[in-house]
Amino acid sequence: GRVRYTQADPVVDRRMMSAGAAWVVREMLEANPRPGYGLGTFDVGARPRVAWKTGTSYGFRDAWAIGGTRRYTVGVWVGRPDGTPLPGQYGAVTALPLMFEVIDSLPRSAGDVVPTHAPDSVAEVEVCWPLGLPPEAQAPQLCQRRRKAWSLDGAVPPTFAERDARLWNAGRERFQVDAASGRRLSAECKLPHQPRDTEIVRWPALAAPWLSAEERRRSTLPALSADCVADGREAAVELRIDGISDGATLARAPGSSHGARLLVRALGTDARVQWLLDGKWIAETRGSQGFKRDYEETGAHTLTALAEDGAWTRIDFRVLF
C-alpha cells in the first residue's frame, strides 16, 4: 500500500498475502489455547476466537502481546520508558493476561466465536513426518508419523532442510541391502549378494531427544556387510552439539568460584563420541549421553565432537573472565 499523510490522500492498499495464506496463519494463531485453559477443562465457547502472539525483547526490555478477533485488534506493551530491563517479565506472563482482559471486555457478537470457513484454495491433507509429504503407498517406511496439515493451492511443501547443517540432506536416503541378511551393500563387495533396493528417512538431528527407540532404529542405516568396502555414508550423518550455540559467549555466574559450567551432548548418533577442546581430548560419551565441564579458560575456543562412525561437528565460542 501507500502511506497516507493526510485524510485527503487517496486510500491505496493491497494484500500482503493471499486470502488462503492469511486464513492458514490465522487458524494457527487461533488454535493456540489461552494459557491455563487446557483442552476440555474449561468451556470457552462463549469467548471470541483470538489469534494471538507474544514477544520479549533482549534483556527483558519489552514485553508485548498482540491479539485479534473478528472485529478488534489489541496490542499491549509492558516496559519502562527509559528502556531499562524488567527481569523476569516477558510477553506471555506480563502482557498476555492484560491483552485477554481487554479483549474479553469488548463488545462481541455471536459470529465472534464461530470459526470461519477455509477459502477454496485451502484443503486439509494428511502428511508424513519427517519428510512433510503425503504418504506413499509403495513406501510405507517413509511415513513414521502421520499428521493433518493445511495445503495451499494444492501444494504440499517438503520439510525444510536442517538449518546450519554441515551437509545438505534431502531427508531420505536410498541404498541397497542384501536380501537375506538385510546388511547394507556398497559399490564393491567381495562376495556375491542378492541386492534389494530400499530407503530410509532421516529425522533432523535436533529432534533426537523426542524420538522413540523404534523411530531412531528405523531412521538408522543398517550395518555394512563385512565383505564390502566402506561407502562413507556414516560419516555423512548430521551430528549436532546440544547445550551451547555456535558463536556463544560464556561468563561465570556472579559470585561463583568456578567457570561457566555446561552440560553438552551430541545428537544424531548412537556411537561413541570423542570430545576435543581446541584440538585436545577432554571427554568420551556414547550416543546422546551428556557430560559437564567448567570452562575456566578465557578467550576463543573450538569444541569438536567426533563419532566413531565418522560423523563430526564443531562449534566456536568465547569465554569471558
Foldseek 3Di string as FASTA:
>chain_A
DDDDPDPPDDDDDDDPDDLQVVLQLQVVQQPDDQPPDDPPPDPCLVAFRKRKDWWADPQQAKTKMWIDFPPDIDIFIDHDPVSHHDPPDHHSPHHVVVRVVVRRPDDDDNVRSDRDDRPPQKDKAKAAPPFQHHDDPVANQARPDIDIDIDGNPDGHTDDFDPPWPDTDNFKDKFWAAPPPRAGADPDFDDDGDIDIDMAGADPQVCQVVDDPVNVVRRDHHHHDPRHDDPCPLQNFTKDKPWDDFAEEFAADPPDPFAGKTKIFITGFQAKKFKDKQRHTDDIDGHGHIDMDHDPDFAKIKIKIAGPSNYIDIGIYGYDD
